[in-house]
């Protein structure tokens, strides 16, 4: 069994890239939530970004759309010892799951704050099993 590498990091910033609500005649509860997850890096600054997009749909039309990016600053020693090698940058699955959990929780709070005291506040991002979202390590090739 592979041992999990301890990676030290901090939340650098939070970006609400998109927030939109779409009026419909009948604002119904829906459990039709689509989500999308992306990871990116800025290797020069040791920053890992976790981008999550959520859309609540009714009859295939969006009712609420939210995209949030959480940028994480990886401590230099952790980056050098556990992430970067001569030819690639490997973000371990367990580390990405942790970043995903933080980003989902942050997104849930942003959604609540932006819809508080509106009819859209009934739409809540449910608990998500991030191990279903992050299935493996993410590897970036280093261009020489």
C-alpha atoms as a PDB file:
ATOM      1  CA  UNK A   1       0.000   0.000   0.000  1.00  0.00           C
ATOM      2  CA  UNK A   2       1.314   3.407  -0.985  1.00  0.00           C
ATOM      3  CA  UNK A   3       1.971   5.840   1.857  1.00  0.00           C
ATOM      4  CA  UNK A   4       0.342   9.229   1.579  1.00  0.00           C
ATOM      5  CA  UNK A   5       2.808  12.071   1.300  1.00  0.00           C
ATOM      6  CA  UNK A   6       2.246  14.942   3.697  1.00  0.00           C
ATOM      7  CA  UNK A   7       1.910  18.132   1.661  1.00  0.00           C
ATOM      8  CA  UNK A   8       1.838  21.461   3.485  1.00  0.00           C
ATOM      9  CA  UNK A   9      -0.230  24.182   1.874  1.00  0.00           C
ATOM     10  CA  UNK A  10      -2.431  27.181   2.584  1.00  0.00           C
ATOM     11  CA  UNK A  11      -5.495  28.656   0.952  1.00  0.00           C
ATOM     12  CA  UNK A  12      -4.155  31.590  -1.056  1.00  0.00           C
ATOM     13  CA  UNK A  13      -7.382  33.111  -2.389  1.00  0.00           C
ATOM     14  CA  UNK A  14     -10.948  32.429  -3.497  1.00  0.00           C
ATOM     15  CA  UNK A  15     -12.402  33.590  -6.799  1.00  0.00           C
ATOM     16  CA  UNK A  16     -16.098  33.538  -7.637  1.00  0.00           C
ATOM     17  CA  UNK A  17     -15.650  33.263 -11.385  1.00  0.00           C
ATOM     18  CA  UNK A  18     -19.365  32.965 -12.158  1.00  0.00           C
ATOM     19  CA  UNK A  19     -22.606  33.348 -10.280  1.00  0.00           C
ATOM     20  CA  UNK A  20     -25.955  33.554 -12.030  1.00  0.00           C
ATOM     21  CA  UNK A  21     -29.579  32.833 -11.295  1.00  0.00           C
ATOM     22  CA  UNK A  22     -32.163  32.324 -13.992  1.00  0.00           C
ATOM     23  CA  UNK A  23     -35.782  33.204 -13.365  1.00  0.00           C
ATOM     24  CA  UNK A  24     -38.346  30.610 -14.318  1.00  0.00           C
ATOM     25  CA  UNK A  25     -42.110  30.697 -14.021  1.00  0.00           C
ATOM     26  CA  UNK A  26     -42.069  27.895 -11.511  1.00  0.00           C
ATOM     27  CA  UNK A  27     -39.000  27.863  -9.310  1.00  0.00           C
ATOM     28  CA  UNK A  28     -39.093  24.205  -8.390  1.00  0.00           C
ATOM     29  CA  UNK A  29     -36.830  22.227  -6.149  1.00  0.00           C
ATOM     30  CA  UNK A  30     -34.476  20.143  -8.176  1.00  0.00           C
ATOM     31  CA  UNK A  31     -32.004  17.477  -7.350  1.00  0.00           C
ATOM     32  CA  UNK A  32     -30.498  17.708 -10.811  1.00  0.00           C
ATOM     33  CA  UNK A  33     -27.058  19.083 -10.037  1.00  0.00           C
ATOM     34  CA  UNK A  34     -24.265  18.994 -12.572  1.00  0.00           C
ATOM     35  CA  UNK A  35     -20.744  19.566 -11.391  1.00  0.00           C
ATOM     36  CA  UNK A  36     -17.394  19.848 -13.096  1.00  0.00           C
ATOM     37  CA  UNK A  37     -13.937  19.745 -11.536  1.00  0.00           C
ATOM     38  CA  UNK A  38     -10.630  20.971 -12.937  1.00  0.00           C
ATOM     39  CA  UNK A  39      -7.145  21.326 -11.515  1.00  0.00           C
ATOM     40  CA  UNK A  40      -4.424  23.595 -12.840  1.00  0.00           C
ATOM     41  CA  UNK A  41      -1.022  24.742 -11.677  1.00  0.00           C
ATOM     42  CA  UNK A  42       1.288  27.716 -11.693  1.00  0.00           C
ATOM     43  CA  UNK A  43       4.565  25.863 -11.123  1.00  0.00           C
ATOM     44  CA  UNK A  44       6.729  28.988 -10.835  1.00  0.00           C
ATOM     45  CA  UNK A  45       4.744  30.091  -7.759  1.00  0.00           C
ATOM     46  CA  UNK A  46       3.852  26.574  -6.486  1.00  0.00           C
ATOM     47  CA  UNK A  47       0.132  27.329  -6.810  1.00  0.00           C
ATOM     48  CA  UNK A  48      -2.484  24.649  -7.375  1.00  0.00           C
ATOM     49  CA  UNK A  49      -5.951  25.775  -8.440  1.00  0.00           C
ATOM     50  CA  UNK A  50      -9.115  23.766  -7.850  1.00  0.00           C
ATOM     51  CA  UNK A  51     -11.990  24.963 -10.038  1.00  0.00           C
ATOM     52  CA  UNK A  52     -15.508  23.696  -9.434  1.00  0.00           C
ATOM     53  CA  UNK A  53     -18.535  24.497 -11.528  1.00  0.00           C
ATOM     54  CA  UNK A  54     -22.051  23.759 -10.297  1.00  0.00           C
ATOM     55  CA  UNK A  55     -25.334  24.056 -12.179  1.00  0.00           C
ATOM     56  CA  UNK A  56     -28.766  23.295 -10.795  1.00  0.00           C
ATOM     57  CA  UNK A  57     -30.986  22.321 -13.709  1.00  0.00           C
ATOM     58  CA  UNK A  58     -34.728  22.124 -14.286  1.00  0.00           C
ATOM     59  CA  UNK A  59     -35.805  20.447 -17.521  1.00  0.00           C
ATOM     60  CA  UNK A  60     -32.195  20.754 -18.778  1.00  0.00           C
ATOM     61  CA  UNK A  61     -32.193  24.522 -18.234  1.00  0.00           C
ATOM     62  CA  UNK A  62     -29.950  26.126 -15.617  1.00  0.00           C
ATOM     63  CA  UNK A  63     -31.609  27.711 -12.601  1.00  0.00           C
ATOM     64  CA  UNK A  64     -28.447  28.511 -10.649  1.00  0.00           C
ATOM     65  CA  UNK A  65     -24.853  28.504 -11.941  1.00  0.00           C
ATOM     66  CA  UNK A  66     -21.762  28.914  -9.797  1.00  0.00           C
ATOM     67  CA  UNK A  67     -18.064  28.573 -10.606  1.00  0.00           C
ATOM     68  CA  UNK A  68     -15.510  28.906  -7.815  1.00  0.00           C
ATOM     69  CA  UNK A  69     -11.728  28.724  -7.935  1.00  0.00           C
ATOM     70  CA  UNK A  70      -9.683  28.130  -4.802  1.00  0.00           C
ATOM     71  CA  UNK A  71      -5.966  28.748  -5.227  1.00  0.00           C
ATOM     72  CA  UNK A  72      -3.620  26.958  -2.872  1.00  0.00           C
ATOM     73  CA  UNK A  73      -0.019  27.864  -2.137  1.00  0.00           C
ATOM     74  CA  UNK A  74       2.103  24.748  -1.602  1.00  0.00           C
ATOM     75  CA  UNK A  75       4.962  25.108   0.857  1.00  0.00           C
ATOM     76  CA  UNK A  76       8.309  25.030  -0.975  1.00  0.00           C
ATOM     77  CA  UNK A  77       9.746  21.989   0.827  1.00  0.00           C
ATOM     78  CA  UNK A  78       6.572  19.966   0.202  1.00  0.00           C
ATOM     79  CA  UNK A  79       6.585  21.024  -3.453  1.00  0.00           C
ATOM     80  CA  UNK A  80      10.227  20.044  -3.956  1.00  0.00           C
ATOM     81  CA  UNK A  81      10.070  16.759  -2.025  1.00  0.00           C
ATOM     82  CA  UNK A  82       6.584  15.463  -2.852  1.00  0.00           C
ATOM     83  CA  UNK A  83       5.300  17.028  -6.061  1.00  0.00           C
ATOM     84  CA  UNK A  84       7.955  18.033  -8.584  1.00  0.00           C
ATOM     85  CA  UNK A  85      10.490  15.768 -10.263  1.00  0.00           C
ATOM     86  CA  UNK A  86      12.829  16.244 -13.214  1.00  0.00           C
ATOM     87  CA  UNK A  87      10.195  15.621 -15.876  1.00  0.00           C
ATOM     88  CA  UNK A  88       6.807  15.954 -14.260  1.00  0.00           C
ATOM     89  CA  UNK A  89       4.648  17.500 -11.572  1.00  0.00           C
ATOM     90  CA  UNK A  90       2.480  14.942  -9.798  1.00  0.00           C
ATOM     91  CA  UNK A  91      -0.438  16.033  -7.646  1.00  0.00           C
ATOM     92  CA  UNK A  92      -1.374  13.028  -5.487  1.00  0.00           C
ATOM     93  CA  UNK A  93      -5.004  11.902  -5.401  1.00  0.00           C
ATOM     94  CA  UNK A  94      -5.316  12.291  -1.603  1.00  0.00           C
ATOM     95  CA  UNK A  95      -4.002  15.874  -1.806  1.00  0.00           C
ATOM     96  CA  UNK A  96      -6.418  16.768  -4.618  1.00  0.00           C
ATOM     97  CA  UNK A  97      -9.318  15.243  -2.672  1.00  0.00           C
ATOM     98  CA  UNK A  98      -8.466  17.520   0.257  1.00  0.00           C
ATOM     99  CA  UNK A  99      -8.391  20.603  -2.002  1.00  0.00           C
ATOM    100  CA  UNK A 100     -11.683  19.507  -3.548  1.00  0.00           C
ATOM    101  CA  UNK A 101     -13.352  19.176  -0.134  1.00  0.00           C
ATOM    102  CA  UNK A 102     -12.257  22.731   0.737  1.00  0.00           C
ATOM    103  CA  UNK A 103     -13.485  24.077  -2.610  1.00  0.00           C
ATOM    104  CA  UNK A 104     -16.875  22.338  -2.349  1.00  0.00           C
ATOM    105  CA  UNK A 105     -17.409  23.715   1.159  1.00  0.00           C
ATOM    106  CA  UNK A 106     -16.335  27.182   0.049  1.00  0.00           C
ATOM    107  CA  UNK A 107     -18.729  26.973  -2.918  1.00  0.00           C
ATOM    108  CA  UNK A 108     -21.571  25.940  -0.629  1.00  0.00           C
ATOM    109  CA  UNK A 109     -20.963  29.010   1.531  1.00  0.00           C
ATOM    110  CA  UNK A 110     -20.742  31.353  -1.462  1.00  0.00           C
ATOM    111  CA  UNK A 111     -23.994  29.952  -2.857  1.00  0.00           C
ATOM    112  CA  UNK A 112     -25.742  30.454   0.477  1.00  0.00           C
ATOM    113  CA  UNK A 113     -24.432  34.013   0.911  1.00  0.00           C
ATOM    114  CA  UNK A 114     -25.392  35.053  -2.624  1.00  0.00           C
ATOM    115  CA  UNK A 115     -28.898  33.578  -2.435  1.00  0.00           C
ATOM    116  CA  UNK A 116     -29.758  34.391   1.185  1.00  0.00           C
ATOM    117  CA  UNK A 117     -33.290  35.801   1.545  1.00  0.00           C
ATOM    118  CA  UNK A 118     -34.209  34.790  -2.019  1.00  0.00           C
ATOM    119  CA  UNK A 119     -36.190  31.893  -3.448  1.00  0.00           C
ATOM    120  CA  UNK A 120     -32.904  30.494  -4.808  1.00  0.00           C
ATOM    121  CA  UNK A 121     -31.642  29.786  -1.270  1.00  0.00           C
ATOM    122  CA  UNK A 122     -33.363  26.393  -1.360  1.00  0.00           C
ATOM    123  CA  UNK A 123     -30.648  25.163  -3.734  1.00  0.00           C
ATOM    124  CA  UNK A 124     -27.851  23.712  -1.629  1.00  0.00           C
ATOM    125  CA  UNK A 125     -24.767  21.902  -2.853  1.00  0.00           C
ATOM    126  CA  UNK A 126     -25.101  18.475  -1.257  1.00  0.00           C
ATOM    127  CA  UNK A 127     -22.319  16.541   0.371  1.00  0.00           C
ATOM    128  CA  UNK A 128     -20.242  15.006  -2.392  1.00  0.00           C
ATOM    129  CA  UNK A 129     -18.057  11.948  -2.304  1.00  0.00           C
ATOM    130  CA  UNK A 130     -14.888  13.556  -3.635  1.00  0.00           C
ATOM    131  CA  UNK A 131     -13.218  10.176  -4.136  1.00  0.00           C
ATOM    132  CA  UNK A 132     -15.699   9.734  -7.012  1.00  0.00           C
ATOM    133  CA  UNK A 133     -14.624  13.102  -8.440  1.00  0.00           C
ATOM    134  CA  UNK A 134     -10.867  12.638  -8.014  1.00  0.00           C
ATOM    135  CA  UNK A 135     -10.078   9.166  -9.294  1.00  0.00           C
ATOM    136  CA  UNK A 136      -6.275   9.326  -9.667  1.00  0.00           C
ATOM    137  CA  UNK A 137      -3.170  11.455  -9.364  1.00  0.00           C
ATOM    138  CA  UNK A 138      -2.975  14.348 -11.812  1.00  0.00           C
ATOM    139  CA  UNK A 139       0.304  14.606 -13.697  1.00  0.00           C
ATOM    140  CA  UNK A 140       1.621  17.610 -15.626  1.00  0.00           C
ATOM    141  CA  UNK A 141       4.583  17.115 -17.947  1.00  0.00           C
ATOM    142  CA  UNK A 142       7.385  19.653 -17.614  1.00  0.00           C
ATOM    143  CA  UNK A 143       8.314  21.092 -21.002  1.00  0.00           C
ATOM    144  CA  UNK A 144      12.060  21.287 -21.448  1.00  0.00           C
END
